[in-house]
């Protein structure tokens, strides 16, 4: 999940990375990528609270009830590594 807000310049930079991964069959065939606007709907705000999101952008991989957060900047290689790809 990519947790973001519209006013964040780092989030603006992260969005094309996520878009590229959404189109990458080696990724999208194995995981579902979700974008969560932390200033969006009440449901999205609650999801950000549930995952204790404090900064933006935040990328969290959830697998079998285990959450892993991406450390460092958002990059395709970093996210693929987080996903074990």
N, C-alpha and C. Protein backbone atom coordinates (compact mmCIF):
# COMPACT_ATOMS: atom_id res chain seq x y z
N UNK A 1 0.84 -1.17 0.00
CA UNK A 1 0.00 0.00 0.00
C UNK A 1 0.89 1.23 0.00
N UNK A 2 0.51 2.18 -0.84
CA UNK A 2 1.17 3.48 -0.83
C UNK A 2 0.27 4.45 -0.09
N UNK A 3 0.71 4.92 1.05
CA UNK A 3 -0.01 5.94 1.81
C UNK A 3 0.56 7.29 1.39
N UNK A 4 -0.30 8.18 0.93
CA UNK A 4 0.16 9.46 0.40
C UNK A 4 -0.83 10.57 0.71
N UNK A 5 -0.39 11.80 0.48
CA UNK A 5 -1.25 12.98 0.51
C UNK A 5 -0.92 13.80 -0.74
N UNK A 6 -1.88 14.54 -1.24
CA UNK A 6 -1.71 15.24 -2.50
C UNK A 6 -0.70 16.38 -2.44
N UNK A 7 -0.51 17.00 -1.30
CA UNK A 7 0.36 18.17 -1.21
C UNK A 7 1.83 17.83 -1.01
N UNK A 8 2.16 16.57 -0.85
CA UNK A 8 3.53 16.15 -0.53
C UNK A 8 4.37 15.97 -1.81
N UNK A 9 5.48 16.71 -1.93
CA UNK A 9 6.32 16.56 -3.13
C UNK A 9 6.95 15.18 -3.26
N UNK A 10 7.28 14.53 -2.14
CA UNK A 10 7.85 13.18 -2.20
C UNK A 10 6.80 12.17 -2.69
N UNK A 11 5.54 12.41 -2.34
CA UNK A 11 4.46 11.55 -2.81
C UNK A 11 4.28 11.70 -4.32
N UNK A 12 4.41 12.93 -4.80
CA UNK A 12 4.30 13.19 -6.23
C UNK A 12 5.38 12.42 -6.98
N UNK A 13 6.56 12.33 -6.41
CA UNK A 13 7.65 11.57 -7.01
C UNK A 13 7.39 10.07 -6.93
N UNK A 14 6.74 9.62 -5.88
CA UNK A 14 6.49 8.19 -5.68
C UNK A 14 5.39 7.65 -6.60
N UNK A 15 4.44 8.47 -6.97
CA UNK A 15 3.29 7.99 -7.75
C UNK A 15 3.69 7.37 -9.09
N UNK A 16 4.61 7.97 -9.86
CA UNK A 16 5.00 7.31 -11.12
C UNK A 16 5.71 5.96 -10.90
N UNK A 17 6.42 5.83 -9.80
CA UNK A 17 7.06 4.56 -9.46
C UNK A 17 5.99 3.50 -9.25
N UNK A 18 4.97 3.84 -8.49
CA UNK A 18 3.87 2.91 -8.23
C UNK A 18 3.13 2.59 -9.52
N UNK A 19 2.91 3.60 -10.36
CA UNK A 19 2.24 3.36 -11.65
C UNK A 19 3.01 2.37 -12.50
N UNK A 20 4.32 2.51 -12.52
CA UNK A 20 5.17 1.58 -13.28
C UNK A 20 5.05 0.16 -12.73
N UNK A 21 5.04 0.02 -11.42
CA UNK A 21 4.92 -1.31 -10.80
C UNK A 21 3.54 -1.92 -11.07
N UNK A 22 2.51 -1.07 -11.13
CA UNK A 22 1.17 -1.57 -11.42
C UNK A 22 1.10 -2.18 -12.82
N UNK A 23 1.94 -1.70 -13.72
CA UNK A 23 1.97 -2.19 -15.10
C UNK A 23 2.94 -3.35 -15.29
N UNK A 24 3.77 -3.62 -14.30
CA UNK A 24 4.80 -4.66 -14.37
C UNK A 24 4.18 -6.01 -14.01
N UNK A 25 4.11 -6.91 -14.98
CA UNK A 25 3.45 -8.20 -14.74
C UNK A 25 4.18 -9.05 -13.70
N UNK A 26 5.48 -8.84 -13.51
CA UNK A 26 6.19 -9.61 -12.48
C UNK A 26 5.77 -9.18 -11.08
N UNK A 27 5.17 -8.01 -10.98
CA UNK A 27 4.68 -7.50 -9.70
C UNK A 27 3.17 -7.71 -9.58
N UNK A 28 2.42 -7.19 -10.56
CA UNK A 28 0.96 -7.19 -10.42
C UNK A 28 0.35 -8.59 -10.51
N UNK A 29 1.10 -9.58 -10.97
CA UNK A 29 0.59 -10.95 -10.97
C UNK A 29 0.73 -11.60 -9.59
N UNK A 30 1.53 -10.98 -8.72
CA UNK A 30 1.80 -11.57 -7.40
C UNK A 30 1.19 -10.79 -6.23
N UNK A 31 1.03 -9.47 -6.40
CA UNK A 31 0.50 -8.64 -5.32
C UNK A 31 -0.51 -7.63 -5.86
N UNK A 32 -1.37 -7.19 -4.98
CA UNK A 32 -2.31 -6.11 -5.31
C UNK A 32 -1.76 -4.82 -4.73
N UNK A 33 -1.62 -3.84 -5.58
CA UNK A 33 -1.10 -2.55 -5.13
C UNK A 33 -2.27 -1.62 -4.87
N UNK A 34 -2.29 -1.02 -3.69
CA UNK A 34 -3.35 -0.08 -3.32
C UNK A 34 -2.73 1.27 -3.01
N UNK A 35 -3.44 2.31 -3.38
CA UNK A 35 -3.05 3.67 -3.03
C UNK A 35 -4.06 4.17 -2.00
N UNK A 36 -3.55 4.76 -0.93
CA UNK A 36 -4.41 5.26 0.13
C UNK A 36 -4.12 6.74 0.32
N UNK A 37 -5.08 7.59 -0.04
CA UNK A 37 -4.96 9.03 0.16
C UNK A 37 -5.34 9.32 1.61
N UNK A 38 -4.37 9.67 2.40
CA UNK A 38 -4.59 9.84 3.84
C UNK A 38 -5.43 11.06 4.18
N UNK A 39 -5.76 11.86 3.20
CA UNK A 39 -6.69 12.97 3.40
C UNK A 39 -7.95 12.76 2.57
N UNK A 40 -8.17 11.53 2.14
CA UNK A 40 -9.31 11.19 1.31
C UNK A 40 -10.53 10.83 2.14
N UNK A 41 -11.13 9.72 1.81
CA UNK A 41 -12.35 9.28 2.49
C UNK A 41 -12.07 8.90 3.93
N UNK A 42 -13.13 8.83 4.71
CA UNK A 42 -12.99 8.40 6.11
C UNK A 42 -12.36 7.01 6.19
N UNK A 43 -12.71 6.14 5.26
CA UNK A 43 -12.16 4.78 5.24
C UNK A 43 -10.65 4.82 5.02
N UNK A 44 -10.18 5.70 4.12
CA UNK A 44 -8.74 5.80 3.87
C UNK A 44 -8.03 6.38 5.09
N UNK A 45 -8.62 7.37 5.73
CA UNK A 45 -8.03 7.95 6.95
C UNK A 45 -7.92 6.91 8.05
N UNK A 46 -8.95 6.09 8.20
CA UNK A 46 -8.95 5.04 9.21
C UNK A 46 -7.88 3.99 8.91
N UNK A 47 -7.69 3.68 7.63
CA UNK A 47 -6.66 2.72 7.24
C UNK A 47 -5.27 3.25 7.60
N UNK A 48 -5.04 4.54 7.36
CA UNK A 48 -3.75 5.15 7.72
C UNK A 48 -3.54 5.09 9.23
N UNK A 49 -4.59 5.33 10.00
CA UNK A 49 -4.48 5.24 11.46
C UNK A 49 -4.20 3.80 11.89
N UNK A 50 -4.88 2.86 11.26
CA UNK A 50 -4.71 1.44 11.59
C UNK A 50 -3.26 1.01 11.40
N UNK A 51 -2.62 1.51 10.35
CA UNK A 51 -1.23 1.14 10.07
C UNK A 51 -0.23 2.12 10.66
N UNK A 52 -0.72 3.05 11.49
CA UNK A 52 0.13 3.98 12.23
C UNK A 52 1.04 4.81 11.31
N UNK A 53 0.47 5.28 10.21
CA UNK A 53 1.24 6.07 9.25
C UNK A 53 1.47 7.46 9.83
N UNK A 54 2.73 7.85 9.89
CA UNK A 54 3.11 9.14 10.47
C UNK A 54 3.73 10.09 9.45
N UNK A 55 4.27 9.56 8.35
CA UNK A 55 4.93 10.39 7.35
C UNK A 55 4.54 9.93 5.96
N UNK A 56 4.87 10.77 4.98
CA UNK A 56 4.47 10.48 3.60
C UNK A 56 5.64 10.65 2.65
N UNK A 57 5.71 9.83 1.64
CA UNK A 57 4.91 8.64 1.43
C UNK A 57 5.37 7.49 2.32
N UNK A 58 4.46 6.60 2.61
CA UNK A 58 4.78 5.38 3.35
C UNK A 58 4.31 4.20 2.51
N UNK A 59 5.19 3.23 2.34
CA UNK A 59 4.85 2.00 1.61
C UNK A 59 4.90 0.85 2.60
N UNK A 60 3.79 0.13 2.71
CA UNK A 60 3.70 -1.01 3.61
C UNK A 60 3.24 -2.23 2.82
N UNK A 61 3.98 -3.32 2.97
CA UNK A 61 3.62 -4.59 2.35
C UNK A 61 2.99 -5.46 3.43
N UNK A 62 1.77 -5.93 3.18
CA UNK A 62 1.07 -6.79 4.12
C UNK A 62 0.97 -8.18 3.50
N UNK A 63 1.49 -9.17 4.21
CA UNK A 63 1.47 -10.54 3.70
C UNK A 63 1.20 -11.48 4.86
N UNK A 64 0.07 -12.17 4.79
CA UNK A 64 -0.31 -13.14 5.84
C UNK A 64 -0.29 -12.52 7.23
N UNK A 65 -0.79 -11.29 7.34
CA UNK A 65 -0.89 -10.63 8.63
C UNK A 65 0.40 -10.00 9.13
N UNK A 66 1.47 -10.06 8.33
CA UNK A 66 2.75 -9.46 8.71
C UNK A 66 2.95 -8.20 7.87
N UNK A 67 3.24 -7.09 8.54
CA UNK A 67 3.45 -5.82 7.87
C UNK A 67 4.95 -5.52 7.78
N UNK A 68 5.38 -5.14 6.57
CA UNK A 68 6.76 -4.71 6.37
C UNK A 68 6.71 -3.32 5.75
N UNK A 69 7.47 -2.40 6.33
CA UNK A 69 7.50 -1.04 5.83
C UNK A 69 8.77 -0.79 5.04
N UNK A 70 8.64 -0.12 3.90
CA UNK A 70 9.79 0.24 3.07
C UNK A 70 10.63 1.27 3.80
N UNK A 71 11.92 1.01 3.88
CA UNK A 71 12.86 1.95 4.50
C UNK A 71 13.51 2.76 3.38
N UNK A 72 13.68 4.04 3.59
CA UNK A 72 14.32 4.88 2.58
C UNK A 72 13.34 5.38 1.54
N UNK A 73 13.88 5.89 0.45
CA UNK A 73 13.06 6.47 -0.60
C UNK A 73 12.30 5.41 -1.39
N UNK A 74 11.25 5.87 -2.06
CA UNK A 74 10.42 4.98 -2.87
C UNK A 74 11.09 4.79 -4.23
N UNK A 75 11.48 3.55 -4.52
CA UNK A 75 12.07 3.21 -5.81
C UNK A 75 11.53 1.84 -6.24
N UNK A 76 11.57 1.57 -7.55
CA UNK A 76 11.12 0.27 -8.02
C UNK A 76 11.94 -0.85 -7.40
N UNK A 77 13.25 -0.68 -7.36
CA UNK A 77 14.10 -1.75 -6.81
C UNK A 77 13.84 -1.94 -5.32
N UNK A 78 13.62 -0.85 -4.60
CA UNK A 78 13.33 -0.95 -3.18
C UNK A 78 12.03 -1.67 -2.89
N UNK A 79 11.02 -1.34 -3.68
CA UNK A 79 9.71 -1.99 -3.48
C UNK A 79 9.78 -3.46 -3.89
N UNK A 80 10.46 -3.76 -5.00
CA UNK A 80 10.59 -5.17 -5.41
C UNK A 80 11.34 -5.95 -4.34
N UNK A 81 12.34 -5.36 -3.75
CA UNK A 81 13.08 -6.03 -2.68
C UNK A 81 12.16 -6.28 -1.48
N UNK A 82 11.37 -5.27 -1.11
CA UNK A 82 10.41 -5.41 -0.02
C UNK A 82 9.45 -6.56 -0.28
N UNK A 83 9.04 -6.71 -1.55
CA UNK A 83 8.09 -7.75 -1.93
C UNK A 83 8.74 -9.11 -2.12
N UNK A 84 10.07 -9.14 -2.06
CA UNK A 84 10.78 -10.40 -2.26
C UNK A 84 10.84 -10.82 -3.72
N UNK A 85 10.82 -9.84 -4.62
CA UNK A 85 10.87 -10.14 -6.07
C UNK A 85 12.23 -9.83 -6.66
